[in-house]
Amino acid sequence: SGFRGTTMLGSEHNDIFETRTTINPSQKQIRTRTNFSGGIQGGIS
């Protein structure tokens, strides 16, 4: 979100985690609904 993120509330900016089913129904992925973090959190992808 860069500098634009400074105008957003924390409740707006937080990327909420959710579980998604992959092609294999027995496997699931943890992803985020939004990506204001730009794919990096705490210095780690």
All heavy atoms as atom14 arrays in JSON, in Angstrom:
{
  "sequence": "SGFRGTTMLGSEHNDIFETRTTINPSQKQIRTRTNFSGGIQGGIS",
  "atom14_mask": [
    [1, 1, 1, 1, 1, 1, 0, 0, 0, 0, 0, 0, 0, 0],
    [1, 1, 1, 1, 0, 0, 0, 0, 0, 0, 0, 0, 0, 0],
    [1, 1, 1, 1, 1, 1, 1, 1, 1, 1, 1, 0, 0, 0],
    [1, 1, 1, 1, 1, 1, 1, 1, 1, 1, 1, 0, 0, 0],
    [1, 1, 1, 1, 0, 0, 0, 0, 0, 0, 0, 0, 0, 0],
    [1, 1, 1, 1, 1, 1, 1, 0, 0, 0, 0, 0, 0, 0],
    [1, 1, 1, 1, 1, 1, 1, 0, 0, 0, 0, 0, 0, 0],
    [1, 1, 1, 1, 1, 1, 1, 1, 0, 0, 0, 0, 0, 0],
    [1, 1, 1, 1, 1, 1, 1, 1, 0, 0, 0, 0, 0, 0],
    [1, 1, 1, 1, 0, 0, 0, 0, 0, 0, 0, 0, 0, 0],
    [1, 1, 1, 1, 1, 1, 0, 0, 0, 0, 0, 0, 0, 0],
    [1, 1, 1, 1, 1, 1, 1, 1, 1, 0, 0, 0, 0, 0],
    [1, 1, 1, 1, 1, 1, 1, 1, 1, 1, 0, 0, 0, 0],
    [1, 1, 1, 1, 1, 1, 1, 1, 0, 0, 0, 0, 0, 0],
    [1, 1, 1, 1, 1, 1, 1, 1, 0, 0, 0, 0, 0, 0],
    [1, 1, 1, 1, 1, 1, 1, 1, 0, 0, 0, 0, 0, 0],
    [1, 1, 1, 1, 1, 1, 1, 1, 1, 1, 1, 0, 0, 0],
    [1, 1, 1, 1, 1, 1, 1, 1, 1, 0, 0, 0, 0, 0],
    [1, 1, 1, 1, 1, 1, 1, 0, 0, 0, 0, 0, 0, 0],
    [1, 1, 1, 1, 1, 1, 1, 1, 1, 1, 1, 0, 0, 0],
    [1, 1, 1, 1, 1, 1, 1, 0, 0, 0, 0, 0, 0, 0],
    [1, 1, 1, 1, 1, 1, 1, 0, 0, 0, 0, 0, 0, 0],
    [1, 1, 1, 1, 1, 1, 1, 1, 0, 0, 0, 0, 0, 0],
    [1, 1, 1, 1, 1, 1, 1, 1, 0, 0, 0, 0, 0, 0],
    [1, 1, 1, 1, 1, 1, 1, 0, 0, 0, 0, 0, 0, 0],
    [1, 1, 1, 1, 1, 1, 0, 0, 0, 0, 0, 0, 0, 0],
    [1, 1, 1, 1, 1, 1, 1, 1, 1, 0, 0, 0, 0, 0],
    [1, 1, 1, 1, 1, 1, 1, 1, 1, 0, 0, 0, 0, 0],
    [1, 1, 1, 1, 1, 1, 1, 1, 1, 0, 0, 0, 0, 0],
    [1, 1, 1, 1, 1, 1, 1, 1, 0, 0, 0, 0, 0, 0],
    [1, 1, 1, 1, 1, 1, 1, 1, 1, 1, 1, 0, 0, 0],
    [1, 1, 1, 1, 1, 1, 1, 0, 0, 0, 0, 0, 0, 0],
    [1, 1, 1, 1, 1, 1, 1, 1, 1, 1, 1, 0, 0, 0],
    [1, 1, 1, 1, 1, 1, 1, 0, 0, 0, 0, 0, 0, 0],
    [1, 1, 1, 1, 1, 1, 1, 1, 0, 0, 0, 0, 0, 0],
    [1, 1, 1, 1, 1, 1, 1, 1, 1, 1, 1, 0, 0, 0],
    [1, 1, 1, 1, 1, 1, 0, 0, 0, 0, 0, 0, 0, 0],
    [1, 1, 1, 1, 0, 0, 0, 0, 0, 0, 0, 0, 0, 0],
    [1, 1, 1, 1, 0, 0, 0, 0, 0, 0, 0, 0, 0, 0],
    [1, 1, 1, 1, 1, 1, 1, 1, 0, 0, 0, 0, 0, 0],
    [1, 1, 1, 1, 1, 1, 1, 1, 1, 0, 0, 0, 0, 0],
    [1, 1, 1, 1, 0, 0, 0, 0, 0, 0, 0, 0, 0, 0],
    [1, 1, 1, 1, 0, 0, 0, 0, 0, 0, 0, 0, 0, 0],
    [1, 1, 1, 1, 1, 1, 1, 1, 0, 0, 0, 0, 0, 0],
    [1, 1, 1, 1, 1, 1, 0, 0, 0, 0, 0, 0, 0, 0]
  ],
  "atom14_positions": [
    [[0.82, -1.22, 0.0], [0.0, 0.0, 0.0], [0.85, 1.26, 0.0], [0.36, 2.34, -0.33], [-0.92, 0.01, 1.23], [-0.15, 0.0, 2.42], [0.0, 0.0, 0.0], [0.0, 0.0, 0.0], [0.0, 0.0, 0.0], [0.0, 0.0, 0.0], [0.0, 0.0, 0.0], [0.0, 0.0, 0.0], [0.0, 0.0, 0.0], [0.0, 0.0, 0.0]],
    [[2.13, 1.14, 0.4], [3.03, 2.28, 0.36], [2.52, 3.47, 1.16], [1.93, 3.32, 2.23], [0.0, 0.0, 0.0], [0.0, 0.0, 0.0], [0.0, 0.0, 0.0], [0.0, 0.0, 0.0], [0.0, 0.0, 0.0], [0.0, 0.0, 0.0], [0.0, 0.0, 0.0], [0.0, 0.0, 0.0], [0.0, 0.0, 0.0], [0.0, 0.0, 0.0]],
    [[2.74, 4.66, 0.6], [2.33, 5.88, 1.3], [0.81, 5.98, 1.41], [0.29, 6.6, 2.35], [2.89, 7.12, 0.6], [4.37, 7.27, 0.78], [5.27, 6.86, -0.2], [4.89, 7.81, 1.95], [6.63, 6.99, -0.02], [6.26, 7.95, 2.14], [7.14, 7.53, 1.14], [0.0, 0.0, 0.0], [0.0, 0.0, 0.0], [0.0, 0.0, 0.0]],
    [[0.09, 5.37, 0.48], [-1.37, 5.39, 0.55], [-1.86, 4.7, 1.82], [-2.92, 5.04, 2.37], [-1.96, 4.72, -0.69], [-3.49, 4.79, -0.79], [-3.96, 4.28, -2.14], [-3.63, 2.88, -2.35], [-4.42, 1.86, -2.0], [-5.58, 2.09, -1.41], [-4.06, 0.62, -2.26], [0.0, 0.0, 0.0], [0.0, 0.0, 0.0], [0.0, 0.0, 0.0]],
    [[-1.08, 3.74, 2.3], [-1.47, 3.01, 3.51], [-1.53, 3.89, 4.74], [-2.18, 3.53, 5.73], [0.0, 0.0, 0.0], [0.0, 0.0, 0.0], [0.0, 0.0, 0.0], [0.0, 0.0, 0.0], [0.0, 0.0, 0.0], [0.0, 0.0, 0.0], [0.0, 0.0, 0.0], [0.0, 0.0, 0.0], [0.0, 0.0, 0.0], [0.0, 0.0, 0.0]],
    [[-0.86, 5.05, 4.7], [-0.89, 5.95, 5.86], [-2.26, 6.59, 6.07], [-2.54, 7.11, 7.14], [0.16, 7.07, 5.7], [-0.18, 7.89, 4.59], [1.55, 6.48, 5.5], [0.0, 0.0, 0.0], [0.0, 0.0, 0.0], [0.0, 0.0, 0.0], [0.0, 0.0, 0.0], [0.0, 0.0, 0.0], [0.0, 0.0, 0.0], [0.0, 0.0, 0.0]],
    [[-3.11, 6.53, 5.06], [-4.44, 7.14, 5.16], [-5.49, 6.11, 5.57], [-6.66, 6.46, 5.74], [-4.85, 7.77, 3.83], [-5.02, 6.75, 2.84], [-3.79, 8.76, 3.35], [0.0, 0.0, 0.0], [0.0, 0.0, 0.0], [0.0, 0.0, 0.0], [0.0, 0.0, 0.0], [0.0, 0.0, 0.0], [0.0, 0.0, 0.0], [0.0, 0.0, 0.0]],
    [[-5.09, 4.85, 5.73], [-6.04, 3.79, 6.03], [-6.02, 3.44, 7.51], [-4.97, 3.5, 8.17], [-5.69, 2.53, 5.21], [-5.68, 2.75, 3.71], [-5.02, 1.31, 2.8], [-6.31, 0.09, 3.12], [0.0, 0.0, 0.0], [0.0, 0.0, 0.0], [0.0, 0.0, 0.0], [0.0, 0.0, 0.0], [0.0, 0.0, 0.0], [0.0, 0.0, 0.0]],
    [[-7.18, 3.08, 8.05], [-7.27, 2.59, 9.41], [-6.67, 1.18, 9.48], [-6.62, 0.46, 8.47], [-8.73, 2.55, 9.87], [-9.46, 3.9, 9.93], [-10.94, 3.68, 10.2], [-8.84, 4.8, 11.0], [0.0, 0.0, 0.0], [0.0, 0.0, 0.0], [0.0, 0.0, 0.0], [0.0, 0.0, 0.0], [0.0, 0.0, 0.0], [0.0, 0.0, 0.0]],
    [[-6.24, 0.8, 10.68], [-5.7, -0.54, 10.85], [-6.7, -1.61, 10.47], [-6.34, -2.65, 9.89], [0.0, 0.0, 0.0], [0.0, 0.0, 0.0], [0.0, 0.0, 0.0], [0.0, 0.0, 0.0], [0.0, 0.0, 0.0], [0.0, 0.0, 0.0], [0.0, 0.0, 0.0], [0.0, 0.0, 0.0], [0.0, 0.0, 0.0], [0.0, 0.0, 0.0]],
    [[-7.97, -1.37, 10.78], [-9.01, -2.34, 10.44], [-9.21, -2.47, 8.94], [-9.69, -3.5, 8.45], [-10.33, -1.91, 11.1], [-10.68, -0.59, 10.7], [0.0, 0.0, 0.0], [0.0, 0.0, 0.0], [0.0, 0.0, 0.0], [0.0, 0.0, 0.0], [0.0, 0.0, 0.0], [0.0, 0.0, 0.0], [0.0, 0.0, 0.0], [0.0, 0.0, 0.0]],
    [[-8.83, -1.43, 8.19], [-8.92, -1.48, 6.73], [-7.67, -2.1, 6.11], [-7.74, -2.79, 5.1], [-9.09, -0.06, 6.17], [-10.36, 0.65, 6.61], [-10.36, 2.11, 6.19], [-9.35, 2.81, 6.4], [-11.4, 2.54, 5.64], [0.0, 0.0, 0.0], [0.0, 0.0, 0.0], [0.0, 0.0, 0.0], [0.0, 0.0, 0.0], [0.0, 0.0, 0.0]],
    [[-6.54, -1.83, 6.76], [-5.27, -2.21, 6.16], [-4.86, -3.65, 6.46], [-4.14, -4.28, 5.67], [-4.16, -1.26, 6.64], [-2.88, -1.36, 5.87], [-1.92, -2.3, 6.16], [-2.42, -0.63, 4.82], [-0.9, -2.15, 5.31], [-1.19, -1.15, 4.5], [0.0, 0.0, 0.0], [0.0, 0.0, 0.0], [0.0, 0.0, 0.0], [0.0, 0.0, 0.0]],
    [[-5.31, -4.21, 7.58], [-4.92, -5.57, 7.93], [-5.37, -6.57, 6.87], [-6.55, -6.58, 6.48], [-5.52, -5.96, 9.29], [-4.8, -5.32, 10.44], [-3.69, -4.79, 10.27], [-5.4, -5.35, 11.62], [0.0, 0.0, 0.0], [0.0, 0.0, 0.0], [0.0, 0.0, 0.0], [0.0, 0.0, 0.0], [0.0, 0.0, 0.0], [0.0, 0.0, 0.0]],
    [[-4.44, -7.41, 6.42], [-4.76, -8.46, 5.45], [-5.27, -9.68, 6.21], [-4.49, -10.35, 6.9], [-3.53, -8.82, 4.62], [-3.05, -7.68, 3.74], [-3.91, -7.02, 3.13], [-1.83, -7.44, 3.66], [0.0, 0.0, 0.0], [0.0, 0.0, 0.0], [0.0, 0.0, 0.0], [0.0, 0.0, 0.0], [0.0, 0.0, 0.0], [0.0, 0.0, 0.0]],
    [[-6.57, -9.95, 6.1], [-7.2, -11.03, 6.86], [-6.83, -12.39, 6.26], [-6.94, -12.6, 5.05], [-8.74, -10.87, 6.87], [-9.12, -9.5, 7.45], [-9.38, -12.0, 7.67], [-8.63, -9.26, 8.86], [0.0, 0.0, 0.0], [0.0, 0.0, 0.0], [0.0, 0.0, 0.0], [0.0, 0.0, 0.0], [0.0, 0.0, 0.0], [0.0, 0.0, 0.0]],
    [[-6.38, -13.31, 7.12], [-6.04, -14.66, 6.66], [-7.31, -15.49, 6.48], [-8.3, -15.35, 7.21], [-5.12, -15.35, 7.68], [-3.73, -14.79, 7.7], [-3.33, -13.95, 8.73], [-2.83, -15.09, 6.69], [-2.05, -13.43, 8.77], [-1.54, -14.57, 6.72], [-1.15, -13.74, 7.75], [0.0, 0.0, 0.0], [0.0, 0.0, 0.0], [0.0, 0.0, 0.0]],
    [[-7.26, -16.38, 5.51], [-8.34, -17.33, 5.29], [-7.77, -18.61, 4.69], [-6.66, -18.61, 4.13], [-9.41, -16.74, 4.36], [-8.91, -16.39, 2.97], [-9.98, -15.73, 2.13], [-11.0, -15.32, 2.68], [-9.78, -15.64, 0.9], [0.0, 0.0, 0.0], [0.0, 0.0, 0.0], [0.0, 0.0, 0.0], [0.0, 0.0, 0.0], [0.0, 0.0, 0.0]],
    [[-8.52, -19.68, 4.79], [-8.1, -20.97, 4.26], [-8.82, -21.22, 2.94], [-10.03, -21.05, 2.84], [-8.4, -22.1, 5.25], [-7.74, -21.84, 6.48], [-7.92, -23.44, 4.71], [0.0, 0.0, 0.0], [0.0, 0.0, 0.0], [0.0, 0.0, 0.0], [0.0, 0.0, 0.0], [0.0, 0.0, 0.0], [0.0, 0.0, 0.0], [0.0, 0.0, 0.0]],
    [[-8.03, -21.62, 1.93], [-8.61, -21.89, 0.62], [-8.3, -23.33, 0.21], [-7.22, -23.85, 0.48], [-8.04, -20.94, -0.43], [-8.33, -19.47, -0.16], [-7.75, -18.61, -1.25], [-7.77, -17.19, -0.89], [-7.22, -16.23, -1.62], [-6.62, -16.53, -2.76], [-7.27, -14.97, -1.22], [0.0, 0.0, 0.0], [0.0, 0.0, 0.0], [0.0, 0.0, 0.0]],
    [[-9.25, -23.92, -0.46], [-9.06, -25.29, -0.95], [-8.29, -25.24, -2.27], [-8.55, -24.39, -3.12], [-10.41, -25.98, -1.17], [-11.13, -25.98, 0.07], [-10.23, -27.41, -1.65], [0.0, 0.0, 0.0], [0.0, 0.0, 0.0], [0.0, 0.0, 0.0], [0.0, 0.0, 0.0], [0.0, 0.0, 0.0], [0.0, 0.0, 0.0], [0.0, 0.0, 0.0]],
    [[-7.34, -26.13, -2.44], [-6.55, -26.19, -3.66], [-7.19, -27.16, -4.65], [-8.31, -27.64, -4.43], [-5.12, -26.64, -3.35], [-5.15, -27.96, -2.8], [-4.48, -25.7, -2.33], [0.0, 0.0, 0.0], [0.0, 0.0, 0.0], [0.0, 0.0, 0.0], [0.0, 0.0, 0.0], [0.0, 0.0, 0.0], [0.0, 0.0, 0.0], [0.0, 0.0, 0.0]],
    [[-6.5, -27.45, -5.72], [-7.0, -28.41, -6.71], [-7.24, -29.76, -6.06], [-8.19, -30.47, -6.37], [-5.99, -28.54, -7.89], [-5.87, -27.21, -8.61], [-6.44, -29.63, -8.86], [-4.83, -27.2, -9.72], [0.0, 0.0, 0.0], [0.0, 0.0, 0.0], [0.0, 0.0, 0.0], [0.0, 0.0, 0.0], [0.0, 0.0, 0.0], [0.0, 0.0, 0.0]],
    [[-6.37, -30.1, -5.12], [-6.54, -31.32, -4.35], [-7.39, -31.0, -3.12], [-6.95, -30.28, -2.23], [-5.17, -31.86, -3.92], [-5.28, -33.2, -3.2], [-6.36, -33.61, -2.77], [-4.14, -33.88, -3.06], [0.0, 0.0, 0.0], [0.0, 0.0, 0.0], [0.0, 0.0, 0.0], [0.0, 0.0, 0.0], [0.0, 0.0, 0.0], [0.0, 0.0, 0.0]],
    [[-8.63, -31.49, -3.06], [-9.54, -31.14, -1.94], [-8.98, -31.45, -0.57], [-9.38, -30.84, 0.43], [-10.79, -31.99, -2.24], [-10.72, -32.27, -3.7], [-9.26, -32.41, -4.01], [0.0, 0.0, 0.0], [0.0, 0.0, 0.0], [0.0, 0.0, 0.0], [0.0, 0.0, 0.0], [0.0, 0.0, 0.0], [0.0, 0.0, 0.0], [0.0, 0.0, 0.0]],
    [[-8.04, -32.39, -0.48], [-7.49, -32.76, 0.82], [-6.41, -31.78, 1.29], [-5.96, -31.85, 2.44], [-6.89, -34.17, 0.77], [-5.8, -34.22, -0.14], [0.0, 0.0, 0.0], [0.0, 0.0, 0.0], [0.0, 0.0, 0.0], [0.0, 0.0, 0.0], [0.0, 0.0, 0.0], [0.0, 0.0, 0.0], [0.0, 0.0, 0.0], [0.0, 0.0, 0.0]],
    [[-6.0, -30.87, 0.39], [-4.98, -29.89, 0.73], [-5.6, -28.5, 0.79], [-6.48, -28.18, 0.01], [-3.83, -29.9, -0.28], [-3.04, -31.2, -0.29], [-1.91, -31.15, -1.31], [-1.92, -30.34, -2.22], [-0.94, -32.01, -1.13], [0.0, 0.0, 0.0], [0.0, 0.0, 0.0], [0.0, 0.0, 0.0], [0.0, 0.0, 0.0], [0.0, 0.0, 0.0]],
    [[-5.13, -27.7, 1.72], [-5.64, -26.34, 1.85], [-4.47, -25.36, 1.98], [-3.39, -25.72, 2.44], [-6.58, -26.21, 3.05], [-7.87, -27.01, 2.89], [-8.81, -26.78, 4.06], [-10.11, -27.54, 3.85], [-11.08, -27.33, 4.96], [0.0, 0.0, 0.0], [0.0, 0.0, 0.0], [0.0, 0.0, 0.0], [0.0, 0.0, 0.0], [0.0, 0.0, 0.0]],
    [[-4.72, -24.13, 1.54], [-3.71, -23.09, 1.64], [-4.19, -21.97, 2.54], [-5.38, -21.66, 2.57], [-3.42, -22.49, 0.25], [-2.57, -23.34, -0.66], [-2.28, -22.6, -1.96], [-3.06, -21.76, -2.41], [-1.15, -22.9, -2.57], [0.0, 0.0, 0.0], [0.0, 0.0, 0.0], [0.0, 0.0, 0.0], [0.0, 0.0, 0.0], [0.0, 0.0, 0.0]],
    [[-3.26, -21.38, 3.27], [-3.57, -20.17, 4.04], [-3.16, -18.98, 3.18], [-2.01, -18.84, 2.79], [-2.81, -20.15, 5.38], [-3.29, -21.31, 6.27], [-3.01, -18.82, 6.09], [-2.56, -21.43, 7.58], [0.0, 0.0, 0.0], [0.0, 0.0, 0.0], [0.0, 0.0, 0.0], [0.0, 0.0, 0.0], [0.0, 0.0, 0.0], [0.0, 0.0, 0.0]],
    [[-4.13, -18.12, 2.87], [-3.89, -16.95, 2.03], [-4.49, -15.72, 2.71], [-5.09, -15.82, 3.79], [-4.55, -17.14, 0.64], [-4.07, -18.37, -0.12], [-2.62, -18.22, -0.58], [-2.45, -17.08, -1.45], [-2.61, -17.13, -2.78], [-2.97, -18.26, -3.37], [-2.4, -16.05, -3.53], [0.0, 0.0, 0.0], [0.0, 0.0, 0.0], [0.0, 0.0, 0.0]],
    [[-4.34, -14.56, 2.1], [-4.96, -13.35, 2.64], [-5.99, -12.82, 1.66], [-5.83, -12.96, 0.44], [-3.9, -12.26, 2.91], [-3.23, -11.92, 1.69], [-2.88, -12.73, 3.94], [0.0, 0.0, 0.0], [0.0, 0.0, 0.0], [0.0, 0.0, 0.0], [0.0, 0.0, 0.0], [0.0, 0.0, 0.0], [0.0, 0.0, 0.0], [0.0, 0.0, 0.0]],
    [[-7.05, -12.22, 2.2], [-8.13, -11.7, 1.35], [-7.65, -10.5, 0.53], [-8.04, -10.31, -0.61], [-9.32, -11.28, 2.22], [-10.02, -12.4, 2.92], [-11.16, -11.85, 3.79], [-11.74, -12.89, 4.64], [-12.64, -12.65, 5.58], [-13.07, -11.41, 5.8], [-13.11, -13.65, 6.31], [0.0, 0.0, 0.0], [0.0, 0.0, 0.0], [0.0, 0.0, 0.0]],
    [[-6.85, -9.67, 1.16], [-6.3, -8.5, 0.49], [-4.78, -8.6, 0.52], [-4.22, -9.54, 1.11], [-6.73, -7.21, 1.21], [-6.38, -7.31, 2.6], [-8.24, -7.0, 1.08], [0.0, 0.0, 0.0], [0.0, 0.0, 0.0], [0.0, 0.0, 0.0], [0.0, 0.0, 0.0], [0.0, 0.0, 0.0], [0.0, 0.0, 0.0], [0.0, 0.0, 0.0]],
    [[-4.11, -7.67, -0.12], [-2.65, -7.73, -0.16], [-2.03, -6.35, 0.0], [-1.16, -5.94, -0.77], [-2.17, -8.37, -1.48], [-0.68, -8.7, -1.46], [-0.05, -8.76, -0.4], [-0.11, -8.9, -2.64], [0.0, 0.0, 0.0], [0.0, 0.0, 0.0], [0.0, 0.0, 0.0], [0.0, 0.0, 0.0], [0.0, 0.0, 0.0], [0.0, 0.0, 0.0]],
    [[-2.49, -5.62, 1.01], [-1.91, -4.32, 1.3], [-0.45, -4.46, 1.77], [0.33, -3.52, 1.68], [-2.73, -3.58, 2.35], [-4.12, -3.25, 1.89], [-5.23, -3.75, 2.56], [-4.33, -2.45, 0.77], [-6.52, -3.45, 2.14], [-5.61, -2.15, 0.35], [-6.72, -2.65, 1.03], [0.0, 0.0, 0.0], [0.0, 0.0, 0.0], [0.0, 0.0, 0.0]],
    [[-0.1, -5.66, 2.27], [1.26, -5.9, 2.73], [2.24, -6.03, 1.58], [3.46, -6.04, 1.81], [1.32, -7.19, 3.57], [0.51, -7.07, 4.72], [0.0, 0.0, 0.0], [0.0, 0.0, 0.0], [0.0, 0.0, 0.0], [0.0, 0.0, 0.0], [0.0, 0.0, 0.0], [0.0, 0.0, 0.0], [0.0, 0.0, 0.0], [0.0, 0.0, 0.0]],
    [[1.74, -6.16, 0.37], [2.62, -6.3, -0.78], [3.38, -7.61, -0.79], [4.48, -7.69, -1.34], [0.0, 0.0, 0.0], [0.0, 0.0, 0.0], [0.0, 0.0, 0.0], [0.0, 0.0, 0.0], [0.0, 0.0, 0.0], [0.0, 0.0, 0.0], [0.0, 0.0, 0.0], [0.0, 0.0, 0.0], [0.0, 0.0, 0.0], [0.0, 0.0, 0.0]],
    [[2.81, -8.64, -0.2], [3.43, -9.96, -0.23], [4.54, -10.16, 0.78], [5.22, -11.19, 0.77], [0.0, 0.0, 0.0], [0.0, 0.0, 0.0], [0.0, 0.0, 0.0], [0.0, 0.0, 0.0], [0.0, 0.0, 0.0], [0.0, 0.0, 0.0], [0.0, 0.0, 0.0], [0.0, 0.0, 0.0], [0.0, 0.0, 0.0], [0.0, 0.0, 0.0]],
    [[4.76, -9.17, 1.66], [5.85, -9.26, 2.63], [5.33, -8.82, 4.0], [4.74, -7.76, 4.13], [7.04, -8.35, 2.24], [7.53, -8.68, 0.83], [8.18, -8.5, 3.24], [8.55, -7.71, 0.29], [0.0, 0.0, 0.0], [0.0, 0.0, 0.0], [0.0, 0.0, 0.0], [0.0, 0.0, 0.0], [0.0, 0.0, 0.0], [0.0, 0.0, 0.0]],
    [[5.56, -9.65, 5.0], [5.17, -9.31, 6.36], [6.32, -9.67, 7.3], [6.86, -10.77, 7.24], [3.9, -10.06, 6.77], [2.67, -9.61, 5.98], [1.43, -10.42, 6.29], [1.51, -11.63, 6.46], [0.29, -9.75, 6.35], [0.0, 0.0, 0.0], [0.0, 0.0, 0.0], [0.0, 0.0, 0.0], [0.0, 0.0, 0.0], [0.0, 0.0, 0.0]],
    [[6.73, -8.71, 8.13], [7.85, -8.94, 9.03], [9.16, -9.17, 8.31], [10.08, -9.8, 8.84], [0.0, 0.0, 0.0], [0.0, 0.0, 0.0], [0.0, 0.0, 0.0], [0.0, 0.0, 0.0], [0.0, 0.0, 0.0], [0.0, 0.0, 0.0], [0.0, 0.0, 0.0], [0.0, 0.0, 0.0], [0.0, 0.0, 0.0], [0.0, 0.0, 0.0]],
    [[9.26, -8.65, 7.09], [10.48, -8.81, 6.32], [10.58, -10.12, 5.56], [11.6, -10.38, 4.92], [0.0, 0.0, 0.0], [0.0, 0.0, 0.0], [0.0, 0.0, 0.0], [0.0, 0.0, 0.0], [0.0, 0.0, 0.0], [0.0, 0.0, 0.0], [0.0, 0.0, 0.0], [0.0, 0.0, 0.0], [0.0, 0.0, 0.0], [0.0, 0.0, 0.0]],
    [[9.52, -10.93, 5.62], [9.54, -12.27, 5.03], [8.33, -12.42, 4.11], [7.22, -11.96, 4.42], [9.5, -13.36, 6.13], [10.72, -13.19, 7.05], [9.46, -14.75, 5.54], [10.68, -14.08, 8.28], [0.0, 0.0, 0.0], [0.0, 0.0, 0.0], [0.0, 0.0, 0.0], [0.0, 0.0, 0.0], [0.0, 0.0, 0.0], [0.0, 0.0, 0.0]],
    [[8.52, -13.06, 2.95], [7.42, -13.25, 2.01], [6.33, -14.11, 2.63], [6.6, -15.03, 3.4], [7.93, -13.9, 0.72], [8.49, -15.18, 0.99], [0.0, 0.0, 0.0], [0.0, 0.0, 0.0], [0.0, 0.0, 0.0], [0.0, 0.0, 0.0], [0.0, 0.0, 0.0], [0.0, 0.0, 0.0], [0.0, 0.0, 0.0], [0.0, 0.0, 0.0]]
  ]
}
